[in-house]
Amino acid sequence: MSEQNQNEEIDLMQLFVMVKEFFKKFLRLVVEVVLFFKKKIVLFLILGVLGAGFGFFMDQYQGKKDAFVQEIILEPKYDSVEYIYGFIEDLEDDFKDEVYIKKLGLEIELVDKVKSISLEPIIKPSEVLEELQDKEGFTETYDDKLLQEKKYRGFYSQHKLTISFMDKNEKNISITNTILDHLRSNEHFVKVVKLEVAQIKNNLEQNKKSLKFVNDYLTNLSENPSSQDQGSFVFASESETPTIASLFKRKQALMDEITEQEKELEFGKQIYEVVENTGIIAKRKALTGRLIFSFPLILIGLISLLYFFRYLSKSVVRFINE
């Protein structure tokens, strides 16, 4: 029994020795690393300055390379969302066809300077909820990525068209104008807009006549209270009795409809309304977290790795010789 205890004590002592050796080697390694960087501090400072300078230059170059962007906020009308998305999504491939470019009346040299074209919805969760019938089920599975799905983009009232150019050229604006004009000229939607506008004008005219009739009736009623029963069939069903309050309620409803129809006529003359157009602007990217900071670290890391392999090689040679 005592021999077993002695063996256990020996094992524990060996374990403590191993742990002690490990920490000694680890601390020795830390000290060597600190001394190494202290010894090479001038070299690393030079590498840091050179790397930061080169990184700053690259940041400036990249910023100038893709700085020119035009953003346009569109508000599609008459269920034209999918048509507009389909046209924009196919446009980058269509711009590779010289015949198509000439058909649009654009210069091939200008189109070659277009870096990218994209269209994305301006996401407003409230607009999705207004359209959905199963609001409760939607809120239970709500996710930001869910709102970006294709099936929901028709629910959003506004969408952002972004065109990125490789360089600054005053003629670039003609590309944007051509795209917008082409969207407006679609024969199907031209007919749809024409029909919708005609219907709105007709409804507006009818509502204005009804409003005039109500106003005349109320005026006549105020001047001749005894004539209240006259014309009551116009505003009430058989089970209802017209009142002053019901007439004013009808008048307010007509005024609201007229206001909405006038708004539709003003902003519904085309398949989309341009809410905002930034024109071509220069966007400078922030330098934080880019090459001005990462490049010096990469240089210092590479040089440190070279010294490490050199140290490792000497250690292996020393071990073999011993």
Protein backbone atom coordinates (compact mmCIF):
# COMPACT_ATOMS: atom_id res chain seq x y z
CA MET A 1 0.00 0.00 0.00
CA SER A 2 2.84 2.35 0.92
CA GLU A 3 4.59 1.46 -2.35
CA GLN A 4 1.44 2.52 -4.27
CA ASN A 5 1.38 5.86 -2.40
CA GLN A 6 5.01 6.43 -3.30
CA ASN A 7 4.29 5.77 -6.98
CA GLU A 8 1.41 8.24 -6.91
CA GLU A 9 3.63 10.88 -5.31
CA ILE A 10 6.29 10.30 -7.98
CA ASP A 11 3.67 10.68 -10.73
CA LEU A 12 2.44 13.93 -9.21
CA MET A 13 5.97 15.25 -8.94
CA GLN A 14 6.63 14.40 -12.59
CA LEU A 15 3.41 16.15 -13.57
CA PHE A 16 4.39 19.28 -11.65
CA VAL A 17 7.83 19.21 -13.28
CA MET A 18 6.25 18.98 -16.74
CA VAL A 19 3.87 21.86 -16.00
CA LYS A 20 6.75 23.90 -14.62
CA GLU A 21 8.83 23.23 -17.74
CA PHE A 22 5.92 24.17 -20.00
CA PHE A 23 5.41 27.55 -18.29
CA LYS A 24 9.17 28.19 -18.32
CA LYS A 25 9.30 27.55 -22.07
CA PHE A 26 6.20 29.65 -22.64
CA LEU A 27 7.57 32.59 -20.68
CA ARG A 28 10.92 32.22 -22.44
CA LEU A 29 9.10 32.35 -25.77
CA VAL A 30 7.16 35.48 -24.75
CA VAL A 31 10.39 37.18 -23.65
CA GLU A 32 12.12 36.23 -26.90
CA VAL A 33 9.23 37.61 -28.96
CA VAL A 34 9.23 40.89 -27.01
CA LEU A 35 13.02 41.19 -27.37
CA PHE A 36 12.75 40.42 -31.07
CA PHE A 37 10.21 43.20 -31.71
CA LYS A 38 12.20 45.55 -29.49
CA LYS A 39 15.34 44.78 -31.48
CA LYS A 40 13.54 45.24 -34.82
CA ILE A 41 11.37 48.19 -33.82
CA VAL A 42 13.00 50.56 -36.31
CA LEU A 43 12.41 48.08 -39.15
CA PHE A 44 8.75 47.64 -38.20
CA LEU A 45 8.22 51.39 -37.87
CA ILE A 46 9.57 51.86 -41.40
CA LEU A 47 7.36 49.04 -42.68
CA GLY A 48 4.35 50.60 -40.91
CA VAL A 49 4.93 54.02 -42.47
CA LEU A 50 5.56 52.56 -45.94
CA GLY A 51 2.52 50.29 -45.65
CA ALA A 52 0.25 53.12 -44.46
CA GLY A 53 1.45 55.34 -47.30
CA PHE A 54 0.87 52.65 -49.90
CA GLY A 55 -2.50 51.77 -48.35
CA PHE A 56 -3.57 55.42 -48.41
CA PHE A 57 -2.60 55.67 -52.08
CA MET A 58 -4.58 52.52 -52.93
CA ASP A 59 -7.61 53.82 -50.99
CA GLN A 60 -7.50 57.06 -52.94
CA TYR A 61 -7.14 55.22 -56.24
CA GLN A 62 -10.03 52.85 -55.52
CA GLY A 63 -12.19 55.74 -54.32
CA LYS A 64 -11.65 57.62 -57.58
CA LYS A 65 -12.18 54.50 -59.64
CA ASP A 66 -15.80 53.88 -58.63
CA ALA A 67 -16.87 57.20 -57.19
CA PHE A 68 -19.45 58.34 -59.77
CA VAL A 69 -22.97 57.21 -58.98
CA GLN A 70 -26.49 58.33 -59.85
CA GLU A 71 -29.39 57.35 -57.60
CA ILE A 72 -33.03 57.77 -58.58
CA ILE A 73 -36.01 57.05 -56.34
CA LEU A 74 -38.89 55.68 -58.43
CA GLU A 75 -42.52 55.21 -57.43
CA PRO A 76 -44.08 52.70 -59.86
CA LYS A 77 -47.77 52.98 -60.80
CA TYR A 78 -50.36 50.67 -62.39
CA ASP A 79 -48.75 47.37 -61.23
CA SER A 80 -45.61 48.08 -63.26
CA VAL A 81 -43.12 46.96 -60.57
CA GLU A 82 -42.25 43.59 -62.13
CA TYR A 83 -41.95 45.12 -65.62
CA ILE A 84 -39.49 47.75 -64.34
CA TYR A 85 -37.45 45.17 -62.40
CA GLY A 86 -37.34 42.82 -65.39
CA PHE A 87 -36.11 45.59 -67.68
CA ILE A 88 -33.40 46.78 -65.27
CA GLU A 89 -32.21 43.25 -64.42
CA ASP A 90 -31.78 42.43 -68.13
CA LEU A 91 -30.13 45.73 -68.95
CA GLU A 92 -26.53 44.77 -68.13
CA ASP A 93 -26.75 41.84 -70.57
CA ASP A 94 -28.60 43.95 -73.14
CA PHE A 95 -25.83 46.56 -72.99
CA LYS A 96 -23.44 43.93 -74.37
CA ASP A 97 -25.43 43.93 -77.62
CA GLU A 98 -24.27 46.76 -79.91
CA VAL A 99 -27.43 46.54 -82.03
CA TYR A 100 -29.60 47.05 -78.94
CA ILE A 101 -27.45 50.00 -77.79
CA LYS A 102 -27.81 51.71 -81.18
CA LYS A 103 -31.56 51.01 -81.13
CA LEU A 104 -31.76 52.95 -77.87
CA GLY A 105 -29.85 55.80 -79.49
CA LEU A 106 -26.83 55.55 -77.18
CA GLU A 107 -23.11 55.72 -77.87
CA ILE A 108 -21.28 52.42 -77.39
CA GLU A 109 -18.31 54.22 -75.78
CA LEU A 110 -20.59 55.70 -73.13
CA VAL A 111 -22.32 52.41 -72.35
CA ASP A 112 -18.92 50.73 -71.91
CA LYS A 113 -18.29 53.14 -69.01
CA VAL A 114 -21.33 51.87 -67.08
CA LYS A 115 -19.99 49.81 -64.21
CA SER A 116 -23.26 48.49 -62.76
CA ILE A 117 -27.02 49.05 -62.75
CA SER A 118 -29.27 47.88 -59.92
CA LEU A 119 -32.79 48.37 -58.62
CA GLU A 120 -33.82 47.62 -55.05
CA PRO A 121 -36.90 48.33 -52.95
CA ILE A 122 -36.88 50.90 -50.18
CA ILE A 123 -38.08 48.56 -47.47
CA LYS A 124 -40.89 49.68 -45.18
CA PRO A 125 -42.38 46.81 -43.12
CA SER A 126 -45.62 48.77 -42.63
CA GLU A 127 -46.30 48.66 -46.39
CA VAL A 128 -46.02 44.87 -46.38
CA LEU A 129 -48.40 44.57 -43.43
CA GLU A 130 -50.96 46.76 -45.20
CA GLU A 131 -51.08 44.35 -48.15
CA LEU A 132 -50.96 41.03 -46.32
CA GLN A 133 -54.11 39.29 -45.09
CA ASP A 134 -52.26 37.00 -42.67
CA LYS A 135 -50.63 39.80 -40.65
CA GLU A 136 -50.33 37.66 -37.54
CA GLY A 137 -48.51 34.84 -39.34
CA PHE A 138 -46.15 37.33 -40.98
CA THR A 139 -45.15 38.99 -37.69
CA GLU A 140 -44.43 35.58 -36.14
CA THR A 141 -41.93 34.70 -38.90
CA TYR A 142 -40.64 38.27 -39.36
CA ASP A 143 -37.06 38.60 -40.54
CA ASP A 144 -35.18 41.45 -42.26
CA LYS A 145 -34.08 39.05 -45.02
CA LEU A 146 -37.71 38.02 -45.51
CA LEU A 147 -38.62 41.59 -46.49
CA GLN A 148 -36.03 41.53 -49.29
CA GLU A 149 -37.61 38.56 -51.04
CA LYS A 150 -38.90 39.01 -54.58
CA LYS A 151 -42.51 38.24 -53.65
CA TYR A 152 -42.69 41.33 -51.41
CA ARG A 153 -41.11 43.95 -53.66
CA GLY A 154 -44.46 44.75 -55.31
CA PHE A 155 -45.76 45.89 -51.91
CA TYR A 156 -43.22 48.73 -51.59
CA SER A 157 -44.18 52.11 -52.98
CA GLN A 158 -40.64 53.35 -53.69
CA HIS A 159 -37.58 51.74 -55.27
CA LYS A 160 -34.00 52.97 -55.73
CA LEU A 161 -32.34 52.78 -59.15
CA THR A 162 -28.54 53.02 -58.86
CA ILE A 163 -26.23 53.48 -61.85
CA SER A 164 -22.47 53.42 -61.27
CA PHE A 165 -20.07 54.91 -63.85
CA MET A 166 -16.34 54.28 -64.28
CA ASP A 167 -15.49 57.94 -64.82
CA LYS A 168 -16.95 61.42 -64.80
CA ASN A 169 -18.56 62.44 -68.08
CA GLU A 170 -21.33 64.96 -68.62
CA LYS A 171 -22.83 62.70 -71.28
CA ASN A 172 -23.41 59.91 -68.75
CA ILE A 173 -26.69 61.57 -67.82
CA SER A 174 -28.01 60.66 -71.29
CA ILE A 175 -27.85 56.97 -70.36
CA THR A 176 -30.11 57.51 -67.38
CA ASN A 177 -32.53 59.64 -69.36
CA THR A 178 -32.70 57.01 -72.10
CA ILE A 179 -33.48 54.26 -69.56
CA LEU A 180 -36.25 56.31 -67.96
CA ASP A 181 -37.72 57.32 -71.34
CA HIS A 182 -37.70 53.72 -72.53
CA LEU A 183 -39.57 52.57 -69.43
CA ARG A 184 -42.22 55.23 -70.06
CA SER A 185 -42.64 54.32 -73.72
CA ASN A 186 -43.83 50.72 -73.22
CA GLU A 187 -46.91 50.41 -75.46
CA HIS A 188 -48.88 48.23 -73.06
CA PHE A 189 -48.47 50.59 -70.13
CA VAL A 190 -49.08 53.64 -72.31
CA LYS A 191 -52.53 52.18 -73.06
CA VAL A 192 -53.08 51.26 -69.40
CA VAL A 193 -52.19 54.79 -68.26
CA LYS A 194 -54.42 56.35 -70.92
CA LEU A 195 -57.40 54.20 -69.89
CA GLU A 196 -56.85 54.74 -66.16
CA VAL A 197 -56.53 58.51 -66.57
CA ALA A 198 -59.72 58.63 -68.65
CA GLN A 199 -61.60 56.67 -65.97
CA ILE A 200 -60.28 58.88 -63.18
CA LYS A 201 -61.30 62.02 -65.09
CA ASN A 202 -64.80 60.61 -65.62
CA ASN A 203 -65.16 59.65 -61.94
CA LEU A 204 -63.81 63.03 -60.90
CA GLU A 205 -66.36 64.81 -63.06
CA GLN A 206 -69.19 62.71 -61.62
CA ASN A 207 -68.05 63.34 -58.05
CA LYS A 208 -67.85 67.09 -58.66
CA LYS A 209 -71.42 67.04 -59.99
CA SER A 210 -72.56 65.06 -56.95
CA LEU A 211 -70.78 67.48 -54.64
CA LYS A 212 -72.47 70.43 -56.35
CA PHE A 213 -75.82 68.72 -55.96
CA VAL A 214 -75.22 68.12 -52.24
CA ASN A 215 -74.12 71.73 -51.74
CA ASP A 216 -77.16 73.01 -53.60
CA TYR A 217 -79.43 70.73 -51.61
CA LEU A 218 -77.94 71.90 -48.29
CA THR A 219 -78.22 75.53 -49.34
CA ASN A 220 -81.82 75.03 -50.36
CA LEU A 221 -82.49 73.20 -47.10
CA SER A 222 -81.04 76.00 -45.01
CA GLU A 223 -83.17 78.54 -46.85
CA ASN A 224 -86.34 76.39 -46.94
CA PRO A 225 -86.35 73.95 -43.97
CA SER A 226 -89.78 72.66 -44.99
CA SER A 227 -88.30 71.16 -48.19
CA GLN A 228 -86.17 68.58 -46.35
CA ASP A 229 -88.14 65.65 -47.76
CA GLN A 230 -87.46 66.70 -51.33
CA GLY A 231 -84.77 64.64 -53.02
CA SER A 232 -84.17 62.47 -49.96
CA PHE A 233 -84.24 59.33 -52.13
CA VAL A 234 -80.91 60.36 -53.64
CA PHE A 235 -78.98 59.97 -50.39
CA ALA A 236 -80.77 57.24 -48.48
CA SER A 237 -82.04 53.73 -48.93
CA GLU A 238 -85.63 52.75 -48.17
CA SER A 239 -84.69 51.89 -44.58
CA GLU A 240 -82.88 55.18 -43.93
CA THR A 241 -84.08 58.67 -43.27
CA PRO A 242 -81.83 61.46 -44.58
CA THR A 243 -80.53 63.91 -42.03
CA ILE A 244 -78.39 67.02 -42.08
CA ALA A 245 -75.57 64.99 -40.53
CA SER A 246 -75.75 62.31 -43.24
CA LEU A 247 -75.62 64.97 -45.95
CA PHE A 248 -72.52 66.57 -44.43
CA LYS A 249 -70.98 63.11 -44.09
CA ARG A 250 -71.66 62.45 -47.78
CA LYS A 251 -70.21 65.85 -48.68
CA GLN A 252 -66.98 65.12 -46.78
CA ALA A 253 -66.67 61.70 -48.45
CA LEU A 254 -67.05 63.30 -51.88
CA MET A 255 -64.44 65.95 -51.08
CA ASP A 256 -61.99 63.25 -49.95
CA GLU A 257 -62.57 61.26 -53.14
CA ILE A 258 -62.11 64.35 -55.31
CA THR A 259 -58.84 65.22 -53.54
CA GLU A 260 -57.53 61.68 -54.03
CA GLN A 261 -58.57 61.61 -57.71
CA GLU A 262 -56.93 64.97 -58.41
CA LYS A 263 -53.76 63.64 -56.80
CA GLU A 264 -53.92 60.51 -58.98
CA LEU A 265 -54.31 62.66 -62.09
CA GLU A 266 -51.33 64.81 -61.15
CA PHE A 267 -48.97 61.96 -60.22
CA GLY A 268 -50.40 59.16 -62.37
CA LYS A 269 -49.67 60.42 -65.87
CA GLN A 270 -46.87 57.86 -66.35
CA ILE A 271 -46.11 54.34 -65.16
CA TYR A 272 -43.75 55.72 -62.52
CA GLU A 273 -43.05 58.96 -60.69
CA VAL A 274 -39.50 60.20 -60.04
CA VAL A 275 -39.46 61.08 -56.34
CA GLU A 276 -35.79 62.05 -56.21
CA ASN A 277 -32.88 62.23 -58.64
CA THR A 278 -29.44 62.92 -57.20
CA GLY A 279 -27.78 63.44 -60.56
CA ILE A 280 -24.27 61.99 -60.96
CA ILE A 281 -22.38 62.47 -57.72
CA ALA A 282 -18.92 61.47 -56.44
CA LYS A 283 -19.04 59.13 -53.47
CA ARG A 284 -15.82 58.82 -51.50
CA LYS A 285 -15.41 55.66 -49.48
CA ALA A 286 -14.40 55.93 -45.82
CA LEU A 287 -10.78 54.96 -45.20
CA THR A 288 -11.45 53.40 -41.78
CA GLY A 289 -10.81 49.66 -41.79
CA ARG A 290 -9.42 49.61 -45.31
CA LEU A 291 -5.93 49.37 -46.83
CA ILE A 292 -4.44 52.31 -44.92
CA PHE A 293 -4.73 50.17 -41.78
CA SER A 294 -4.61 46.61 -43.11
CA PHE A 295 -1.61 46.94 -45.45
CA PRO A 296 0.95 47.88 -42.71
CA LEU A 297 -0.26 44.91 -40.63
CA ILE A 298 0.14 42.60 -43.62
CA LEU A 299 3.72 43.80 -44.24
CA ILE A 300 4.72 43.47 -40.59
CA GLY A 301 3.08 40.04 -40.43
CA LEU A 302 4.94 38.79 -43.52
CA ILE A 303 8.33 40.01 -42.28
CA SER A 304 7.67 38.51 -38.83
CA LEU A 305 6.77 35.21 -40.51
CA LEU A 306 10.04 35.22 -42.46
CA TYR A 307 12.04 35.76 -39.27
CA PHE A 308 10.03 32.99 -37.58
CA PHE A 309 10.87 30.49 -40.34
CA ARG A 310 14.49 31.57 -40.15
CA TYR A 311 14.49 30.97 -36.37
CA LEU A 312 12.74 27.62 -36.85
CA SER A 313 15.31 26.53 -39.44
CA LYS A 314 18.22 27.36 -37.10
CA SER A 315 16.50 25.48 -34.25
CA VAL A 316 16.08 22.37 -36.40
CA VAL A 317 19.74 22.49 -37.49
CA ARG A 318 20.84 22.95 -33.86
CA PHE A 319 18.67 20.00 -32.78
CA ILE A 320 20.12 17.73 -35.47
CA ASN A 321 23.69 18.67 -34.60
CA GLU A 322 23.09 17.97 -30.91
